[in-house]
Amino acid sequence: MIAILSPSGVCTVPHYSARIYVTLRPSVLDPAGTAVQSGLAHMGYSNVETVRIGKYIELTLEAETEAAASQQLDRMCDQLLANPVIENYR
């Protein structure tokens, strides 16, 4: 589920702000996360067990309803913002 924030502004068509988190699926290896974990261990943070790297996206869009905004965001994520083969989004 993508976090839809309240409509913003005073317009004829509401604007919705969204926060989207894109992460690798648990079954996909994360070499960037492994490199960060290794770097943290070398810095003395050996208590860090796992690191997973992802993307955080904020956007604002116009839509008639929150449901319409949510549907558009799902399509955006499936088609461009995330790779549905190896990534999850919420």
N, C-alpha and C. Protein backbone atom coordinates (compact mmCIF):
# COMPACT_ATOMS: atom_id res chain seq x y z
N MET A 1 0.84 -1.18 0.00
CA MET A 1 0.00 0.00 0.00
C MET A 1 0.88 1.23 0.00
N ILE A 2 0.61 2.15 -0.86
CA ILE A 2 1.35 3.40 -0.96
C ILE A 2 0.70 4.41 -0.03
N ALA A 3 1.50 5.15 0.70
CA ALA A 3 0.97 6.15 1.63
C ALA A 3 0.49 7.36 0.85
N ILE A 4 -0.81 7.60 0.86
CA ILE A 4 -1.39 8.78 0.23
C ILE A 4 -1.63 9.80 1.33
N LEU A 5 -1.02 10.94 1.22
CA LEU A 5 -1.22 11.99 2.21
C LEU A 5 -2.44 12.80 1.82
N SER A 6 -2.87 13.67 2.69
CA SER A 6 -4.09 14.44 2.45
C SER A 6 -3.95 15.33 1.22
N PRO A 7 -5.09 15.66 0.59
CA PRO A 7 -5.04 16.55 -0.56
C PRO A 7 -4.43 17.89 -0.15
N SER A 8 -3.71 18.52 -1.07
CA SER A 8 -3.08 19.79 -0.76
C SER A 8 -3.59 20.87 -1.71
N GLY A 9 -3.55 22.11 -1.24
CA GLY A 9 -3.91 23.24 -2.07
C GLY A 9 -5.41 23.42 -2.24
N VAL A 10 -5.76 24.57 -2.82
CA VAL A 10 -7.16 24.87 -3.10
C VAL A 10 -7.28 24.91 -4.62
N CYS A 11 -7.71 23.82 -5.21
CA CYS A 11 -7.83 23.70 -6.66
C CYS A 11 -9.14 23.01 -6.99
N THR A 12 -9.52 23.07 -8.25
CA THR A 12 -10.72 22.35 -8.66
C THR A 12 -10.47 20.85 -8.66
N VAL A 13 -9.24 20.44 -8.98
CA VAL A 13 -8.87 19.03 -8.91
C VAL A 13 -7.89 18.88 -7.75
N PRO A 14 -8.20 17.99 -6.81
CA PRO A 14 -7.31 17.85 -5.65
C PRO A 14 -5.92 17.35 -6.06
N HIS A 15 -4.93 17.78 -5.30
CA HIS A 15 -3.56 17.31 -5.45
C HIS A 15 -3.28 16.37 -4.29
N TYR A 16 -2.72 15.22 -4.58
CA TYR A 16 -2.38 14.24 -3.55
C TYR A 16 -0.88 14.06 -3.51
N SER A 17 -0.33 14.03 -2.30
CA SER A 17 1.09 13.76 -2.11
C SER A 17 1.24 12.30 -1.73
N ALA A 18 2.27 11.67 -2.27
CA ALA A 18 2.49 10.25 -1.99
C ALA A 18 3.94 10.02 -1.58
N ARG A 19 4.13 9.05 -0.70
CA ARG A 19 5.45 8.57 -0.31
C ARG A 19 5.53 7.11 -0.72
N ILE A 20 6.51 6.78 -1.52
CA ILE A 20 6.65 5.42 -2.05
C ILE A 20 8.00 4.87 -1.62
N TYR A 21 7.99 3.68 -1.04
CA TYR A 21 9.21 2.99 -0.65
C TYR A 21 9.38 1.78 -1.57
N VAL A 22 10.51 1.72 -2.25
CA VAL A 22 10.82 0.61 -3.16
C VAL A 22 11.99 -0.16 -2.56
N THR A 23 11.80 -1.46 -2.37
CA THR A 23 12.85 -2.30 -1.80
C THR A 23 13.00 -3.57 -2.62
N LEU A 24 14.18 -4.15 -2.56
CA LEU A 24 14.40 -5.43 -3.22
C LEU A 24 13.58 -6.51 -2.52
N ARG A 25 13.09 -7.45 -3.29
CA ARG A 25 12.38 -8.58 -2.70
C ARG A 25 13.35 -9.33 -1.79
N PRO A 26 12.84 -9.94 -0.72
CA PRO A 26 13.73 -10.66 0.22
C PRO A 26 14.58 -11.74 -0.44
N SER A 27 14.09 -12.33 -1.53
CA SER A 27 14.84 -13.40 -2.19
C SER A 27 15.95 -12.89 -3.10
N VAL A 28 16.03 -11.56 -3.31
CA VAL A 28 17.03 -10.97 -4.20
C VAL A 28 18.22 -10.51 -3.38
N LEU A 29 19.42 -10.91 -3.81
CA LEU A 29 20.64 -10.47 -3.13
C LEU A 29 20.79 -8.96 -3.26
N ASP A 30 21.33 -8.33 -2.22
CA ASP A 30 21.50 -6.88 -2.19
C ASP A 30 22.98 -6.54 -2.02
N PRO A 31 23.76 -6.49 -3.12
CA PRO A 31 25.18 -6.22 -3.00
C PRO A 31 25.49 -4.85 -2.38
N ALA A 32 24.66 -3.84 -2.65
CA ALA A 32 24.88 -2.52 -2.05
C ALA A 32 24.69 -2.60 -0.53
N GLY A 33 23.67 -3.31 -0.10
CA GLY A 33 23.44 -3.50 1.33
C GLY A 33 24.58 -4.25 1.99
N THR A 34 25.09 -5.27 1.31
CA THR A 34 26.22 -6.04 1.83
C THR A 34 27.46 -5.16 1.96
N ALA A 35 27.70 -4.30 0.97
CA ALA A 35 28.86 -3.39 1.01
C ALA A 35 28.73 -2.40 2.17
N VAL A 36 27.53 -1.86 2.38
CA VAL A 36 27.32 -0.93 3.48
C VAL A 36 27.51 -1.64 4.82
N GLN A 37 26.97 -2.84 4.93
CA GLN A 37 27.13 -3.61 6.17
C GLN A 37 28.61 -3.85 6.46
N SER A 38 29.37 -4.21 5.44
CA SER A 38 30.80 -4.45 5.60
C SER A 38 31.51 -3.16 6.03
N GLY A 39 31.16 -2.05 5.40
CA GLY A 39 31.75 -0.77 5.77
C GLY A 39 31.45 -0.39 7.20
N LEU A 40 30.22 -0.62 7.62
CA LEU A 40 29.84 -0.34 9.01
C LEU A 40 30.64 -1.20 9.98
N ALA A 41 30.83 -2.47 9.63
CA ALA A 41 31.60 -3.37 10.49
C ALA A 41 33.05 -2.87 10.61
N HIS A 42 33.62 -2.39 9.51
CA HIS A 42 34.99 -1.86 9.54
C HIS A 42 35.08 -0.58 10.37
N MET A 43 33.96 0.12 10.51
CA MET A 43 33.93 1.34 11.32
C MET A 43 33.65 1.04 12.79
N GLY A 44 33.49 -0.23 13.11
CA GLY A 44 33.26 -0.60 14.50
C GLY A 44 31.83 -0.94 14.85
N TYR A 45 30.94 -0.88 13.86
CA TYR A 45 29.53 -1.20 14.09
C TYR A 45 29.27 -2.67 13.74
N SER A 46 29.94 -3.56 14.44
CA SER A 46 29.82 -4.98 14.13
C SER A 46 28.49 -5.57 14.60
N ASN A 47 27.70 -4.81 15.34
CA ASN A 47 26.41 -5.29 15.81
C ASN A 47 25.31 -5.17 14.74
N VAL A 48 25.60 -4.55 13.59
CA VAL A 48 24.62 -4.44 12.51
C VAL A 48 24.57 -5.78 11.79
N GLU A 49 23.42 -6.43 11.83
CA GLU A 49 23.29 -7.78 11.27
C GLU A 49 22.98 -7.79 9.78
N THR A 50 22.07 -6.92 9.34
CA THR A 50 21.71 -6.87 7.92
C THR A 50 21.46 -5.43 7.50
N VAL A 51 21.72 -5.16 6.23
CA VAL A 51 21.42 -3.86 5.63
C VAL A 51 20.78 -4.14 4.28
N ARG A 52 19.66 -3.52 4.01
CA ARG A 52 18.99 -3.59 2.71
C ARG A 52 18.84 -2.16 2.21
N ILE A 53 19.22 -1.93 0.97
CA ILE A 53 19.17 -0.61 0.37
C ILE A 53 17.94 -0.53 -0.54
N GLY A 54 17.24 0.60 -0.49
CA GLY A 54 16.06 0.78 -1.34
C GLY A 54 15.97 2.22 -1.82
N LYS A 55 14.80 2.58 -2.34
CA LYS A 55 14.55 3.93 -2.85
C LYS A 55 13.35 4.52 -2.12
N TYR A 56 13.39 5.82 -1.91
CA TYR A 56 12.28 6.57 -1.33
C TYR A 56 11.88 7.62 -2.34
N ILE A 57 10.61 7.67 -2.72
CA ILE A 57 10.13 8.59 -3.74
C ILE A 57 8.97 9.39 -3.17
N GLU A 58 9.00 10.70 -3.32
CA GLU A 58 7.87 11.57 -2.99
C GLU A 58 7.37 12.18 -4.28
N LEU A 59 6.06 12.21 -4.45
CA LEU A 59 5.50 12.90 -5.61
C LEU A 59 4.13 13.44 -5.28
N THR A 60 3.71 14.42 -6.06
CA THR A 60 2.39 15.02 -5.93
C THR A 60 1.69 14.88 -7.27
N LEU A 61 0.42 14.48 -7.23
CA LEU A 61 -0.32 14.32 -8.47
C LEU A 61 -1.74 14.83 -8.31
N GLU A 62 -2.35 15.17 -9.43
CA GLU A 62 -3.75 15.57 -9.46
C GLU A 62 -4.60 14.34 -9.70
N ALA A 63 -5.69 14.24 -8.97
CA ALA A 63 -6.64 13.14 -9.18
C ALA A 63 -7.98 13.56 -8.60
N GLU A 64 -9.04 13.03 -9.16
CA GLU A 64 -10.38 13.37 -8.69
C GLU A 64 -10.66 12.83 -7.30
N THR A 65 -10.14 11.62 -7.01
CA THR A 65 -10.39 10.99 -5.71
C THR A 65 -9.11 10.33 -5.22
N GLU A 66 -9.10 9.98 -3.94
CA GLU A 66 -7.95 9.26 -3.38
C GLU A 66 -7.80 7.89 -4.04
N ALA A 67 -8.93 7.24 -4.33
CA ALA A 67 -8.87 5.93 -4.99
C ALA A 67 -8.24 6.05 -6.38
N ALA A 68 -8.59 7.10 -7.11
CA ALA A 68 -8.01 7.31 -8.44
C ALA A 68 -6.51 7.58 -8.33
N ALA A 69 -6.11 8.36 -7.34
CA ALA A 69 -4.69 8.63 -7.12
C ALA A 69 -3.95 7.33 -6.81
N SER A 70 -4.53 6.51 -5.96
CA SER A 70 -3.90 5.24 -5.59
C SER A 70 -3.74 4.32 -6.80
N GLN A 71 -4.76 4.26 -7.65
CA GLN A 71 -4.68 3.43 -8.86
C GLN A 71 -3.58 3.93 -9.79
N GLN A 72 -3.50 5.25 -9.96
CA GLN A 72 -2.46 5.82 -10.82
C GLN A 72 -1.07 5.51 -10.26
N LEU A 73 -0.91 5.64 -8.95
CA LEU A 73 0.38 5.36 -8.33
C LEU A 73 0.77 3.90 -8.49
N ASP A 74 -0.18 2.99 -8.35
CA ASP A 74 0.12 1.57 -8.56
C ASP A 74 0.62 1.33 -9.99
N ARG A 75 -0.03 1.96 -10.96
CA ARG A 75 0.41 1.80 -12.36
C ARG A 75 1.80 2.40 -12.57
N MET A 76 2.05 3.57 -11.97
CA MET A 76 3.37 4.20 -12.10
C MET A 76 4.46 3.29 -11.54
N CYS A 77 4.18 2.70 -10.39
CA CYS A 77 5.17 1.82 -9.76
C CYS A 77 5.40 0.57 -10.60
N ASP A 78 4.32 -0.03 -11.09
CA ASP A 78 4.45 -1.24 -11.89
C ASP A 78 5.16 -0.98 -13.22
N GLN A 79 4.98 0.21 -13.80
CA GLN A 79 5.51 0.49 -15.13
C GLN A 79 6.87 1.18 -15.14
N LEU A 80 7.22 1.92 -14.06
CA LEU A 80 8.45 2.70 -14.11
C LEU A 80 9.21 2.79 -12.79
N LEU A 81 8.52 3.11 -11.72
CA LEU A 81 9.22 3.43 -10.47
C LEU A 81 9.84 2.21 -9.79
N ALA A 82 9.29 1.04 -10.02
CA ALA A 82 9.82 -0.20 -9.43
C ALA A 82 9.90 -1.26 -10.51
N ASN A 83 10.80 -2.20 -10.32
CA ASN A 83 10.88 -3.36 -11.21
C ASN A 83 10.14 -4.48 -10.50
N PRO A 84 8.91 -4.79 -10.91
CA PRO A 84 8.10 -5.77 -10.18
C PRO A 84 8.69 -7.18 -10.14
N VAL A 85 9.68 -7.46 -10.97
CA VAL A 85 10.31 -8.78 -10.96
C VAL A 85 11.21 -8.93 -9.73
N ILE A 86 11.92 -7.86 -9.37
CA ILE A 86 12.88 -7.97 -8.26
C ILE A 86 12.59 -7.02 -7.09
N GLU A 87 11.61 -6.12 -7.24
CA GLU A 87 11.36 -5.13 -6.19
C GLU A 87 9.90 -5.15 -5.73
N ASN A 88 9.72 -4.78 -4.47
CA ASN A 88 8.40 -4.54 -3.89
C ASN A 88 8.27 -3.04 -3.66
N TYR A 89 7.04 -2.56 -3.62
CA TYR A 89 6.82 -1.15 -3.26
C TYR A 89 5.65 -1.07 -2.31
N ARG A 90 5.68 -0.01 -1.52
CA ARG A 90 4.58 0.26 -0.60
C ARG A 90 4.45 1.75 -0.43
